Protein backbone atom coordinates (compact mmCIF):
# COMPACT_ATOMS: atom_id res chain seq x y z
CA UNK A 1 -0.03 0.18 0.05
CA UNK A 2 1.11 3.63 -0.56
CA UNK A 3 -0.07 7.16 0.10
CA UNK A 4 0.09 9.38 -2.86
CA UNK A 5 0.59 12.98 -2.52
CA UNK A 6 -3.01 13.81 -3.33
CA UNK A 7 -4.03 11.29 -0.66
CA UNK A 8 -1.61 12.87 2.08
CA UNK A 9 -3.05 16.43 1.26
CA UNK A 10 -6.51 15.12 1.61
CA UNK A 11 -5.38 13.35 5.03
CA UNK A 12 -3.80 16.84 6.09
CA UNK A 13 -7.23 18.59 5.11
CA UNK A 14 -9.25 16.22 7.07
CA UNK A 15 -6.88 16.44 10.20
CA UNK A 16 -7.19 20.20 9.99
CA UNK A 17 -10.98 20.32 9.46
CA UNK A 18 -11.63 17.98 12.44
CA UNK A 19 -12.73 19.30 15.95
CA UNK A 20 -10.49 16.67 17.58
CA UNK A 21 -7.95 14.13 16.93
CA UNK A 22 -10.69 11.33 17.43
CA UNK A 23 -12.81 12.95 14.81
CA UNK A 24 -9.93 13.22 12.46
CA UNK A 25 -9.07 9.59 12.89
CA UNK A 26 -12.83 8.65 12.07
CA UNK A 27 -12.63 11.04 9.04
CA UNK A 28 -9.69 9.60 7.63
CA UNK A 29 -11.07 6.01 8.21
CA UNK A 30 -14.18 7.09 6.69
CA UNK A 31 -12.66 8.54 3.53
CA UNK A 32 -9.89 5.89 3.12
CA UNK A 33 -11.36 2.62 4.62
CA UNK A 34 -8.30 0.67 3.62
CA UNK A 35 -6.10 2.74 5.81
CA UNK A 36 -5.41 2.42 9.48
CA UNK A 37 -5.87 5.90 11.56
CA UNK A 38 -5.51 5.77 15.19
CA UNK A 39 -4.93 8.43 17.90
CA UNK A 40 -1.84 7.96 19.97
CA UNK A 41 -0.70 10.01 23.24
CA UNK A 42 2.16 12.37 22.30
CA UNK A 43 4.32 10.64 24.78
CA UNK A 44 4.29 7.64 22.80
CA UNK A 45 5.91 9.18 19.78
CA UNK A 46 8.00 11.88 21.50
CA UNK A 47 11.29 10.76 20.21
CA UNK A 48 9.97 10.48 16.70
CA UNK A 49 9.71 12.79 13.67
CA UNK A 50 6.35 13.39 12.25
CA UNK A 51 5.75 12.97 8.47
CA UNK A 52 3.79 16.31 8.51
CA UNK A 53 2.21 18.59 11.22
CA UNK A 54 -1.20 20.34 10.91
CA UNK A 55 -1.29 23.35 13.42
CA UNK A 56 -0.60 21.42 16.63
CA UNK A 57 -1.45 18.21 15.26
CA UNK A 58 1.27 15.64 14.28
CA UNK A 59 0.73 12.96 11.59
CA UNK A 60 3.04 10.01 11.44
CA UNK A 61 3.02 7.33 8.58
CA UNK A 62 2.82 3.72 9.70
CA UNK A 63 3.65 0.69 7.58
CA UNK A 64 2.80 -3.04 8.11
CA UNK A 65 4.86 -6.13 7.24
CA UNK A 66 1.81 -8.41 7.44
CA UNK A 67 1.99 -8.86 11.04
CA UNK A 68 3.74 -5.77 13.01
CA UNK A 69 3.24 -2.13 12.46
CA UNK A 70 6.01 0.36 12.50
CA UNK A 71 6.56 3.98 12.01
CA UNK A 72 7.91 4.95 8.40
CA UNK A 73 8.92 8.06 6.62
CA UNK A 74 8.20 6.47 3.28
CA UNK A 75 4.73 7.31 1.91
CA UNK A 76 5.32 4.35 -0.56
CA UNK A 77 5.32 1.96 2.30
CA UNK A 78 2.62 3.57 4.52
CA UNK A 79 -0.74 2.06 5.02
CA UNK A 80 -1.93 4.12 7.78
CA UNK A 81 -1.37 7.19 9.99
CA UNK A 82 -1.07 7.78 13.74
CA UNK A 83 -2.13 11.19 15.05
CA UNK A 84 -0.88 12.87 18.16
CA UNK A 85 -1.49 16.48 19.64
CA UNK A 86 1.76 18.31 19.93
């Protein structure tokens, strides 16, 4: 799976438009049901670099090897996003 530039732009818009992170994750899942979208605590990703930031919201890309999920900076490998509040 991969996240194209237009898809990433749409995800950024959904994150920006949502009232809160849970709403943003729900909006991403609603528009892109093939993607994982989860809210995580900022402490869980404190040492990681987000793929992009929308206001005070951080968006991280995640990839799956078929069993385990890991953070990635490569949109071509990404199959989902993690959202955290800065």
